[in-house]
């Protein structure tokens, strides 16, 4: 006989094992790439797709029925073509990038605009502390997939370093054009 040493949350306690498994498994093949997950994602040089698995990540798109509910962190996969990346930004929580396939150039930046870069390859990771300006760019010739984790279940949308992007940081939540564009496997 097995003994659970920790109590289940109320929303889980009433579920069958089948129900728990169905609610807490998310398959890559079922994910829909969101090419408008962030306000800067429609700007050339920042185009990328987010595939949400646990919680919404920093896109702010909470309540997606196909995403595993988040408790203390989020997990998404980013797909980025060569020459694309994201705008310099901060978060109120820790954010980690873990490269699954390809190369990703990451940076941290101070408030004078000085940047330090590091290239990450498969299975490399960077952890960006709260309040540190950071970002990335795919400077390689191949696509890159990387996992993004946030240290909060419902992180705020990105705090863009650029004033114009920061002023419009939530605009992508109001209008999200439908896209039939997929990501290659």
C-alpha atoms as a PDB file:
ATOM      1  CA  UNK A   1       0.000   0.000   0.000  1.00  0.00           C
ATOM      2  CA  UNK A   2       1.227   3.515  -0.822  1.00  0.00           C
ATOM      3  CA  UNK A   3       0.956   6.479   1.525  1.00  0.00           C
ATOM      4  CA  UNK A   4       0.868  10.063   0.269  1.00  0.00           C
ATOM      5  CA  UNK A   5       3.037  12.100   2.628  1.00  0.00           C
ATOM      6  CA  UNK A   6       1.667  15.474   1.545  1.00  0.00           C
ATOM      7  CA  UNK A   7      -1.951  16.565   1.106  1.00  0.00           C
ATOM      8  CA  UNK A   8      -3.336  17.187  -2.364  1.00  0.00           C
ATOM      9  CA  UNK A   9      -4.729  20.620  -3.208  1.00  0.00           C
ATOM     10  CA  UNK A  10      -8.544  20.741  -3.042  1.00  0.00           C
ATOM     11  CA  UNK A  11      -8.947  20.977  -6.850  1.00  0.00           C
ATOM     12  CA  UNK A  12      -6.964  17.739  -7.256  1.00  0.00           C
ATOM     13  CA  UNK A  13      -8.348  15.698  -4.367  1.00  0.00           C
ATOM     14  CA  UNK A  14     -11.658  15.060  -6.135  1.00  0.00           C
ATOM     15  CA  UNK A  15     -10.066  13.922  -9.415  1.00  0.00           C
ATOM     16  CA  UNK A  16      -9.501  10.317 -10.429  1.00  0.00           C
ATOM     17  CA  UNK A  17      -6.005   9.196 -11.435  1.00  0.00           C
ATOM     18  CA  UNK A  18      -7.164   9.372 -15.056  1.00  0.00           C
ATOM     19  CA  UNK A  19      -8.415  12.914 -14.491  1.00  0.00           C
ATOM     20  CA  UNK A  20      -5.126  13.996 -12.917  1.00  0.00           C
ATOM     21  CA  UNK A  21      -3.143  12.467 -15.776  1.00  0.00           C
ATOM     22  CA  UNK A  22      -5.353  14.141 -18.384  1.00  0.00           C
ATOM     23  CA  UNK A  23      -5.138  17.556 -16.703  1.00  0.00           C
ATOM     24  CA  UNK A  24      -1.392  17.452 -16.010  1.00  0.00           C
ATOM     25  CA  UNK A  25       0.084  16.131 -19.264  1.00  0.00           C
ATOM     26  CA  UNK A  26       0.749  18.566 -22.108  1.00  0.00           C
ATOM     27  CA  UNK A  27       2.084  17.242 -25.402  1.00  0.00           C
ATOM     28  CA  UNK A  28       4.216  19.198 -27.843  1.00  0.00           C
ATOM     29  CA  UNK A  29       2.061  17.923 -30.720  1.00  0.00           C
ATOM     30  CA  UNK A  30      -0.999  19.568 -29.118  1.00  0.00           C
ATOM     31  CA  UNK A  31       0.594  23.005 -28.573  1.00  0.00           C
ATOM     32  CA  UNK A  32      -0.412  25.877 -30.814  1.00  0.00           C
ATOM     33  CA  UNK A  33       2.396  28.362 -31.499  1.00  0.00           C
ATOM     34  CA  UNK A  34       1.478  31.883 -30.422  1.00  0.00           C
ATOM     35  CA  UNK A  35       3.287  34.254 -32.784  1.00  0.00           C
ATOM     36  CA  UNK A  36       1.732  37.221 -30.968  1.00  0.00           C
ATOM     37  CA  UNK A  37       2.539  36.193 -27.406  1.00  0.00           C
ATOM     38  CA  UNK A  38       4.362  39.450 -26.643  1.00  0.00           C
ATOM     39  CA  UNK A  39       3.952  43.053 -27.760  1.00  0.00           C
ATOM     40  CA  UNK A  40       7.372  43.127 -29.449  1.00  0.00           C
ATOM     41  CA  UNK A  41       6.768  39.840 -31.328  1.00  0.00           C
ATOM     42  CA  UNK A  42       5.263  41.620 -34.342  1.00  0.00           C
ATOM     43  CA  UNK A  43       8.388  43.754 -34.855  1.00  0.00           C
ATOM     44  CA  UNK A  44      11.013  42.482 -37.310  1.00  0.00           C
ATOM     45  CA  UNK A  45      13.994  41.247 -35.324  1.00  0.00           C
ATOM     46  CA  UNK A  46      11.798  40.169 -32.401  1.00  0.00           C
ATOM     47  CA  UNK A  47       9.502  37.628 -34.120  1.00  0.00           C
ATOM     48  CA  UNK A  48       9.159  34.358 -32.244  1.00  0.00           C
ATOM     49  CA  UNK A  49       6.550  31.804 -31.215  1.00  0.00           C
ATOM     50  CA  UNK A  50       5.662  30.752 -27.691  1.00  0.00           C
ATOM     51  CA  UNK A  51       4.299  27.289 -26.975  1.00  0.00           C
ATOM     52  CA  UNK A  52       2.740  27.251 -23.510  1.00  0.00           C
ATOM     53  CA  UNK A  53       2.907  24.122 -21.349  1.00  0.00           C
ATOM     54  CA  UNK A  54       2.566  25.168 -17.669  1.00  0.00           C
ATOM     55  CA  UNK A  55       0.981  28.549 -16.956  1.00  0.00           C
ATOM     56  CA  UNK A  56       1.175  31.509 -19.279  1.00  0.00           C
ATOM     57  CA  UNK A  57       4.761  32.596 -18.833  1.00  0.00           C
ATOM     58  CA  UNK A  58       5.439  36.317 -19.173  1.00  0.00           C
ATOM     59  CA  UNK A  59       3.034  36.665 -22.092  1.00  0.00           C
ATOM     60  CA  UNK A  60       0.264  37.375 -19.592  1.00  0.00           C
ATOM     61  CA  UNK A  61      -2.159  35.136 -21.511  1.00  0.00           C
ATOM     62  CA  UNK A  62      -3.611  33.345 -18.500  1.00  0.00           C
ATOM     63  CA  UNK A  63      -6.577  31.009 -18.679  1.00  0.00           C
ATOM     64  CA  UNK A  64      -5.560  28.998 -21.768  1.00  0.00           C
ATOM     65  CA  UNK A  65      -7.559  25.752 -21.355  1.00  0.00           C
ATOM     66  CA  UNK A  66      -4.857  23.606 -23.010  1.00  0.00           C
ATOM     67  CA  UNK A  67      -2.167  24.658 -20.529  1.00  0.00           C
ATOM     68  CA  UNK A  68      -1.359  22.817 -17.319  1.00  0.00           C
ATOM     69  CA  UNK A  69      -2.367  25.055 -14.373  1.00  0.00           C
ATOM     70  CA  UNK A  70       0.629  26.720 -12.724  1.00  0.00           C
ATOM     71  CA  UNK A  71       1.273  26.870  -8.985  1.00  0.00           C
ATOM     72  CA  UNK A  72       4.756  28.259  -8.389  1.00  0.00           C
ATOM     73  CA  UNK A  73       6.362  28.512 -11.843  1.00  0.00           C
ATOM     74  CA  UNK A  74       5.635  28.567 -15.565  1.00  0.00           C
ATOM     75  CA  UNK A  75       7.171  26.562 -18.400  1.00  0.00           C
ATOM     76  CA  UNK A  76       7.014  27.458 -22.073  1.00  0.00           C
ATOM     77  CA  UNK A  77       9.006  26.620 -25.182  1.00  0.00           C
ATOM     78  CA  UNK A  78      10.197  29.411 -27.471  1.00  0.00           C
ATOM     79  CA  UNK A  79      10.871  28.923 -31.171  1.00  0.00           C
ATOM     80  CA  UNK A  80      13.140  31.537 -32.761  1.00  0.00           C
ATOM     81  CA  UNK A  81      14.338  31.755 -36.364  1.00  0.00           C
ATOM     82  CA  UNK A  82      17.823  33.098 -37.248  1.00  0.00           C
ATOM     83  CA  UNK A  83      18.057  36.876 -36.897  1.00  0.00           C
ATOM     84  CA  UNK A  84      15.150  37.114 -34.440  1.00  0.00           C
ATOM     85  CA  UNK A  85      15.132  37.577 -30.659  1.00  0.00           C
ATOM     86  CA  UNK A  86      13.390  39.772 -28.132  1.00  0.00           C
ATOM     87  CA  UNK A  87      13.610  43.302 -26.782  1.00  0.00           C
ATOM     88  CA  UNK A  88      15.595  44.094 -23.640  1.00  0.00           C
ATOM     89  CA  UNK A  89      13.343  43.642 -20.619  1.00  0.00           C
ATOM     90  CA  UNK A  90      13.051  42.774 -16.939  1.00  0.00           C
ATOM     91  CA  UNK A  91      10.728  40.653 -14.811  1.00  0.00           C
ATOM     92  CA  UNK A  92       9.617  40.745 -11.192  1.00  0.00           C
ATOM     93  CA  UNK A  93      10.659  37.107 -10.880  1.00  0.00           C
ATOM     94  CA  UNK A  94      13.564  34.924 -11.940  1.00  0.00           C
ATOM     95  CA  UNK A  95      13.539  33.758 -15.586  1.00  0.00           C
ATOM     96  CA  UNK A  96      15.626  30.889 -16.963  1.00  0.00           C
ATOM     97  CA  UNK A  97      16.374  29.962 -20.595  1.00  0.00           C
ATOM     98  CA  UNK A  98      17.382  26.310 -21.162  1.00  0.00           C
ATOM     99  CA  UNK A  99      18.437  25.561 -24.756  1.00  0.00           C
ATOM    100  CA  UNK A 100      16.902  22.378 -26.165  1.00  0.00           C
ATOM    101  CA  UNK A 101      18.173  22.610 -29.757  1.00  0.00           C
ATOM    102  CA  UNK A 102      20.345  25.151 -31.556  1.00  0.00           C
ATOM    103  CA  UNK A 103      22.265  28.181 -30.325  1.00  0.00           C
ATOM    104  CA  UNK A 104      20.991  31.215 -28.455  1.00  0.00           C
ATOM    105  CA  UNK A 105      22.939  34.393 -27.757  1.00  0.00           C
ATOM    106  CA  UNK A 106      21.792  35.924 -24.474  1.00  0.00           C
ATOM    107  CA  UNK A 107      22.645  39.280 -22.956  1.00  0.00           C
ATOM    108  CA  UNK A 108      22.401  41.190 -19.737  1.00  0.00           C
ATOM    109  CA  UNK A 109      22.410  44.975 -19.814  1.00  0.00           C
ATOM    110  CA  UNK A 110      22.844  47.836 -17.386  1.00  0.00           C
ATOM    111  CA  UNK A 111      20.832  51.060 -17.422  1.00  0.00           C
ATOM    112  CA  UNK A 112      23.489  52.826 -19.539  1.00  0.00           C
ATOM    113  CA  UNK A 113      22.843  50.309 -22.348  1.00  0.00           C
ATOM    114  CA  UNK A 114      26.092  48.380 -21.836  1.00  0.00           C
ATOM    115  CA  UNK A 115      25.547  44.729 -22.786  1.00  0.00           C
ATOM    116  CA  UNK A 116      27.446  41.546 -22.082  1.00  0.00           C
ATOM    117  CA  UNK A 117      26.690  38.564 -24.364  1.00  0.00           C
ATOM    118  CA  UNK A 118      27.070  34.808 -23.944  1.00  0.00           C
ATOM    119  CA  UNK A 119      26.321  32.064 -26.472  1.00  0.00           C
ATOM    120  CA  UNK A 120      24.322  29.095 -25.168  1.00  0.00           C
ATOM    121  CA  UNK A 121      24.202  25.728 -26.923  1.00  0.00           C
ATOM    122  CA  UNK A 122      22.138  22.600 -26.426  1.00  0.00           C
ATOM    123  CA  UNK A 123      21.505  21.931 -22.713  1.00  0.00           C
ATOM    124  CA  UNK A 124      23.076  25.233 -21.578  1.00  0.00           C
ATOM    125  CA  UNK A 125      21.082  27.523 -19.313  1.00  0.00           C
ATOM    126  CA  UNK A 126      21.072  31.121 -18.132  1.00  0.00           C
ATOM    127  CA  UNK A 127      19.126  32.315 -15.107  1.00  0.00           C
ATOM    128  CA  UNK A 128      18.152  35.989 -15.111  1.00  0.00           C
ATOM    129  CA  UNK A 129      17.530  37.423 -11.614  1.00  0.00           C
ATOM    130  CA  UNK A 130      14.550  39.758 -11.030  1.00  0.00           C
ATOM    131  CA  UNK A 131      15.138  43.339 -12.173  1.00  0.00           C
ATOM    132  CA  UNK A 132      18.176  42.527 -14.368  1.00  0.00           C
ATOM    133  CA  UNK A 133      17.729  43.794 -17.946  1.00  0.00           C
ATOM    134  CA  UNK A 134      18.170  40.847 -20.301  1.00  0.00           C
ATOM    135  CA  UNK A 135      17.207  39.365 -23.646  1.00  0.00           C
ATOM    136  CA  UNK A 136      18.336  37.130 -26.467  1.00  0.00           C
ATOM    137  CA  UNK A 137      18.918  36.843 -30.192  1.00  0.00           C
ATOM    138  CA  UNK A 138      19.345  33.874 -32.481  1.00  0.00           C
ATOM    139  CA  UNK A 139      22.604  34.887 -34.177  1.00  0.00           C
ATOM    140  CA  UNK A 140      23.120  31.437 -35.691  1.00  0.00           C
ATOM    141  CA  UNK A 141      22.065  30.086 -39.083  1.00  0.00           C
ATOM    142  CA  UNK A 142      19.668  27.522 -37.589  1.00  0.00           C
ATOM    143  CA  UNK A 143      16.404  27.734 -35.676  1.00  0.00           C
ATOM    144  CA  UNK A 144      16.548  27.469 -31.881  1.00  0.00           C
ATOM    145  CA  UNK A 145      14.149  25.921 -29.391  1.00  0.00           C
ATOM    146  CA  UNK A 146      14.547  26.745 -25.729  1.00  0.00           C
ATOM    147  CA  UNK A 147      12.603  26.252 -22.554  1.00  0.00           C
ATOM    148  CA  UNK A 148      11.623  29.306 -20.516  1.00  0.00           C
ATOM    149  CA  UNK A 149      10.764  29.053 -16.836  1.00  0.00           C
ATOM    150  CA  UNK A 150       9.501  31.827 -14.562  1.00  0.00           C
ATOM    151  CA  UNK A 151       9.599  31.707 -10.791  1.00  0.00           C
ATOM    152  CA  UNK A 152       5.942  32.707 -10.449  1.00  0.00           C
ATOM    153  CA  UNK A 153       2.731  31.004 -11.477  1.00  0.00           C
ATOM    154  CA  UNK A 154       1.352  34.200 -13.042  1.00  0.00           C
ATOM    155  CA  UNK A 155       4.220  36.561 -13.854  1.00  0.00           C
ATOM    156  CA  UNK A 156       3.535  40.102 -14.962  1.00  0.00           C
ATOM    157  CA  UNK A 157       4.038  40.974 -18.614  1.00  0.00           C
ATOM    158  CA  UNK A 158       7.573  41.939 -19.580  1.00  0.00           C
ATOM    159  CA  UNK A 159       8.965  45.227 -18.316  1.00  0.00           C
ATOM    160  CA  UNK A 160      10.486  46.443 -21.580  1.00  0.00           C
ATOM    161  CA  UNK A 161      13.521  48.703 -21.236  1.00  0.00           C
ATOM    162  CA  UNK A 162      12.286  50.671 -24.289  1.00  0.00           C
ATOM    163  CA  UNK A 163       9.682  53.295 -23.257  1.00  0.00           C
ATOM    164  CA  UNK A 164       7.474  52.845 -26.348  1.00  0.00           C
ATOM    165  CA  UNK A 165       7.276  49.075 -25.933  1.00  0.00           C
ATOM    166  CA  UNK A 166       6.741  49.428 -22.179  1.00  0.00           C
ATOM    167  CA  UNK A 167       3.809  51.799 -22.747  1.00  0.00           C
ATOM    168  CA  UNK A 168       2.183  49.184 -25.035  1.00  0.00           C
ATOM    169  CA  UNK A 169       3.287  46.082 -23.073  1.00  0.00           C
ATOM    170  CA  UNK A 170      -0.271  44.742 -22.656  1.00  0.00           C
ATOM    171  CA  UNK A 171      -1.631  45.548 -26.139  1.00  0.00           C
ATOM    172  CA  UNK A 172      -1.092  41.962 -27.318  1.00  0.00           C
ATOM    173  CA  UNK A 173      -3.628  40.800 -24.708  1.00  0.00           C
ATOM    174  CA  UNK A 174      -6.448  42.748 -26.377  1.00  0.00           C
ATOM    175  CA  UNK A 175      -5.999  41.616 -29.979  1.00  0.00           C
ATOM    176  CA  UNK A 176      -4.296  38.442 -31.061  1.00  0.00           C
ATOM    177  CA  UNK A 177      -4.471  37.786 -34.785  1.00  0.00           C
ATOM    178  CA  UNK A 178      -5.150  34.172 -35.668  1.00  0.00           C
ATOM    179  CA  UNK A 179      -2.182  32.424 -37.197  1.00  0.00           C
ATOM    180  CA  UNK A 180      -1.973  29.198 -39.103  1.00  0.00           C
ATOM    181  CA  UNK A 181       1.817  29.318 -39.044  1.00  0.00           C
ATOM    182  CA  UNK A 182       3.279  26.290 -37.327  1.00  0.00           C
ATOM    183  CA  UNK A 183       6.757  25.641 -36.022  1.00  0.00           C
ATOM    184  CA  UNK A 184       8.945  22.963 -37.600  1.00  0.00           C
ATOM    185  CA  UNK A 185       9.819  19.952 -35.506  1.00  0.00           C
END
